[in-house]
Amino acid sequence: MADGEDTTMNEISVLEAKKLILENRHNPRFVILDVRTPEEFEDQHIPGALNINISDDDFEERITNLERGEKYLVHCRSGTRSAFAVEFMTGKGFSDVTNVLGWLF
């Protein structure tokens, strides 16, 4: 860490994520962001989740166009792709972004 900057990524377990989803089910500012491929998303996804494939060429542009004041829960299959997405988002000024460590299904 440099200059006292906190670089700790906000990460939660699958169980904690499921609880967070339930607690925020009526929160219009809560966004579940699924960064898997469209094929993975089509196969199975959380109802209401937003799918932005981290491997797409326009990923950075699409993320940059999201509202920074929302609360984001970011997931993929293992937590690896979502960790990269969370790191990118926090670098772009998103302040309430959480990575799920594992598969939500």
C-alpha atoms as a PDB file:
ATOM      1  CA  MET A   1       0.000   0.000   0.000  1.00  0.00           C
ATOM      2  CA  ALA A   2       1.180   3.438  -0.872  1.00  0.00           C
ATOM      3  CA  ASP A   3       0.197   6.735   0.741  1.00  0.00           C
ATOM      4  CA  GLY A   4      -2.148   4.990   3.183  1.00  0.00           C
ATOM      5  CA  GLU A   5      -4.395   3.827   0.345  1.00  0.00           C
ATOM      6  CA  ASP A   6      -6.558   0.803   1.193  1.00  0.00           C
ATOM      7  CA  THR A   7      -6.183  -1.728  -1.607  1.00  0.00           C
ATOM      8  CA  THR A   8      -8.118  -4.534   0.083  1.00  0.00           C
ATOM      9  CA  MET A   9     -10.776  -5.987  -2.197  1.00  0.00           C
ATOM     10  CA  ASN A  10     -14.221  -6.446  -0.695  1.00  0.00           C
ATOM     11  CA  GLU A  11     -14.876 -10.197  -0.995  1.00  0.00           C
ATOM     12  CA  ILE A  12     -17.600 -12.383   0.465  1.00  0.00           C
ATOM     13  CA  SER A  13     -18.467 -16.059   0.514  1.00  0.00           C
ATOM     14  CA  VAL A  14     -21.314 -17.599  -1.466  1.00  0.00           C
ATOM     15  CA  LEU A  15     -23.390 -17.893   1.719  1.00  0.00           C
ATOM     16  CA  GLU A  16     -22.814 -14.214   2.554  1.00  0.00           C
ATOM     17  CA  ALA A  17     -23.674 -13.268  -1.051  1.00  0.00           C
ATOM     18  CA  LYS A  18     -26.967 -15.141  -0.909  1.00  0.00           C
ATOM     19  CA  LYS A  19     -27.824 -13.296   2.312  1.00  0.00           C
ATOM     20  CA  LEU A  20     -26.868  -9.959   0.736  1.00  0.00           C
ATOM     21  CA  ILE A  21     -29.087 -10.686  -2.286  1.00  0.00           C
ATOM     22  CA  LEU A  22     -32.043 -11.441   0.001  1.00  0.00           C
ATOM     23  CA  GLU A  23     -31.449  -8.313   2.077  1.00  0.00           C
ATOM     24  CA  ASN A  24     -31.333  -6.155  -1.073  1.00  0.00           C
ATOM     25  CA  ARG A  25     -34.133  -7.789  -3.078  1.00  0.00           C
ATOM     26  CA  HIS A  26     -36.173  -4.565  -2.929  1.00  0.00           C
ATOM     27  CA  ASN A  27     -33.236  -2.186  -3.271  1.00  0.00           C
ATOM     28  CA  PRO A  28     -33.358  -0.571  -6.734  1.00  0.00           C
ATOM     29  CA  ARG A  29     -29.727   0.538  -6.327  1.00  0.00           C
ATOM     30  CA  PHE A  30     -28.457  -3.036  -5.863  1.00  0.00           C
ATOM     31  CA  VAL A  31     -26.999  -4.615  -9.011  1.00  0.00           C
ATOM     32  CA  ILE A  32     -25.933  -8.227  -9.442  1.00  0.00           C
ATOM     33  CA  LEU A  33     -23.256  -8.132 -12.130  1.00  0.00           C
ATOM     34  CA  ASP A  34     -22.492 -11.445 -13.836  1.00  0.00           C
ATOM     35  CA  VAL A  35     -19.215 -11.221 -15.777  1.00  0.00           C
ATOM     36  CA  ARG A  36     -19.395 -14.682 -17.372  1.00  0.00           C
ATOM     37  CA  THR A  37     -19.901 -15.406 -21.066  1.00  0.00           C
ATOM     38  CA  PRO A  38     -23.373 -15.054 -22.588  1.00  0.00           C
ATOM     39  CA  GLU A  39     -23.479 -18.846 -22.981  1.00  0.00           C
ATOM     40  CA  GLU A  40     -22.784 -19.396 -19.281  1.00  0.00           C
ATOM     41  CA  PHE A  41     -25.326 -16.712 -18.412  1.00  0.00           C
ATOM     42  CA  GLU A  42     -27.971 -18.264 -20.663  1.00  0.00           C
ATOM     43  CA  ASP A  43     -27.384 -21.689 -19.121  1.00  0.00           C
ATOM     44  CA  GLN A  44     -28.043 -20.416 -15.585  1.00  0.00           C
ATOM     45  CA  HIS A  45     -28.170 -17.001 -13.946  1.00  0.00           C
ATOM     46  CA  ILE A  46     -29.657 -15.078 -11.075  1.00  0.00           C
ATOM     47  CA  PRO A  47     -32.949 -13.465 -12.109  1.00  0.00           C
ATOM     48  CA  GLY A  48     -32.450  -9.760 -12.719  1.00  0.00           C
ATOM     49  CA  ALA A  49     -28.666 -10.030 -13.024  1.00  0.00           C
ATOM     50  CA  LEU A  50     -26.840  -7.851 -15.534  1.00  0.00           C
ATOM     51  CA  ASN A  51     -24.492  -9.791 -17.838  1.00  0.00           C
ATOM     52  CA  ILE A  52     -21.360  -8.019 -19.044  1.00  0.00           C
ATOM     53  CA  ASN A  53     -18.814 -10.527 -20.335  1.00  0.00           C
ATOM     54  CA  ILE A  54     -15.362  -9.663 -19.014  1.00  0.00           C
ATOM     55  CA  SER A  55     -13.819 -11.179 -22.173  1.00  0.00           C
ATOM     56  CA  ASP A  56     -15.715  -8.903 -24.577  1.00  0.00           C
ATOM     57  CA  ASP A  57     -13.819  -6.116 -26.326  1.00  0.00           C
ATOM     58  CA  ASP A  58     -16.315  -3.559 -25.022  1.00  0.00           C
ATOM     59  CA  PHE A  59     -16.194  -4.702 -21.382  1.00  0.00           C
ATOM     60  CA  GLU A  60     -14.294  -1.645 -20.127  1.00  0.00           C
ATOM     61  CA  GLU A  61     -16.585   0.745 -22.016  1.00  0.00           C
ATOM     62  CA  ARG A  62     -19.755  -0.943 -20.751  1.00  0.00           C
ATOM     63  CA  ILE A  63     -18.507  -0.948 -17.151  1.00  0.00           C
ATOM     64  CA  THR A  64     -17.399   2.677 -17.376  1.00  0.00           C
ATOM     65  CA  ASN A  65     -20.932   3.616 -18.480  1.00  0.00           C
ATOM     66  CA  LEU A  66     -22.525   2.073 -15.357  1.00  0.00           C
ATOM     67  CA  GLU A  67     -23.793   4.252 -12.512  1.00  0.00           C
ATOM     68  CA  ARG A  68     -21.046   4.609  -9.890  1.00  0.00           C
ATOM     69  CA  GLY A  69     -23.470   5.223  -7.017  1.00  0.00           C
ATOM     70  CA  GLU A  70     -25.044   1.750  -7.183  1.00  0.00           C
ATOM     71  CA  LYS A  71     -24.180  -1.196  -4.934  1.00  0.00           C
ATOM     72  CA  TYR A  72     -22.615  -3.978  -7.064  1.00  0.00           C
ATOM     73  CA  LEU A  73     -22.308  -7.664  -6.278  1.00  0.00           C
ATOM     74  CA  VAL A  74     -20.004  -9.125  -8.946  1.00  0.00           C
ATOM     75  CA  HIS A  75     -19.773 -12.828  -9.666  1.00  0.00           C
ATOM     76  CA  CYS A  76     -18.567 -15.457 -12.116  1.00  0.00           C
ATOM     77  CA  ARG A  77     -18.036 -19.186 -11.640  1.00  0.00           C
ATOM     78  CA  SER A  78     -14.999 -19.212  -9.355  1.00  0.00           C
ATOM     79  CA  GLY A  79     -14.421 -15.622  -8.280  1.00  0.00           C
ATOM     80  CA  THR A  80     -11.413 -15.075 -10.531  1.00  0.00           C
ATOM     81  CA  ARG A  81     -12.994 -13.145 -13.411  1.00  0.00           C
ATOM     82  CA  SER A  82     -15.158 -11.206 -10.986  1.00  0.00           C
ATOM     83  CA  ALA A  83     -12.070 -10.252  -8.969  1.00  0.00           C
ATOM     84  CA  PHE A  84     -10.558  -8.696 -12.116  1.00  0.00           C
ATOM     85  CA  ALA A  85     -13.854  -6.882 -12.772  1.00  0.00           C
ATOM     86  CA  VAL A  86     -14.008  -5.553  -9.205  1.00  0.00           C
ATOM     87  CA  GLU A  87     -10.411  -4.348  -9.416  1.00  0.00           C
ATOM     88  CA  PHE A  88     -11.180  -2.562 -12.690  1.00  0.00           C
ATOM     89  CA  MET A  89     -14.372  -1.026 -11.286  1.00  0.00           C
ATOM     90  CA  THR A  90     -12.741   0.279  -8.120  1.00  0.00           C
ATOM     91  CA  GLY A  91      -9.983   1.778 -10.272  1.00  0.00           C
ATOM     92  CA  LYS A  92     -12.679   3.638 -12.203  1.00  0.00           C
ATOM     93  CA  GLY A  93     -14.229   5.161  -9.100  1.00  0.00           C
ATOM     94  CA  PHE A  94     -16.893   2.624  -8.134  1.00  0.00           C
ATOM     95  CA  SER A  95     -16.994   2.578  -4.344  1.00  0.00           C
ATOM     96  CA  ASP A  96     -19.495  -0.136  -3.391  1.00  0.00           C
ATOM     97  CA  VAL A  97     -18.332  -3.233  -5.262  1.00  0.00           C
ATOM     98  CA  THR A  98     -18.139  -6.730  -3.795  1.00  0.00           C
ATOM     99  CA  ASN A  99     -16.632  -9.904  -5.281  1.00  0.00           C
ATOM    100  CA  VAL A 100     -18.254 -13.290  -4.624  1.00  0.00           C
ATOM    101  CA  LEU A 101     -15.704 -16.000  -3.876  1.00  0.00           C
ATOM    102  CA  GLY A 102     -17.338 -18.938  -5.611  1.00  0.00           C
ATOM    103  CA  TRP A 103     -20.338 -20.104  -7.581  1.00  0.00           C
ATOM    104  CA  LEU A 104     -23.756 -18.847  -6.494  1.00  0.00           C
ATOM    105  CA  PHE A 105     -25.686 -21.921  -7.700  1.00  0.00           C
END
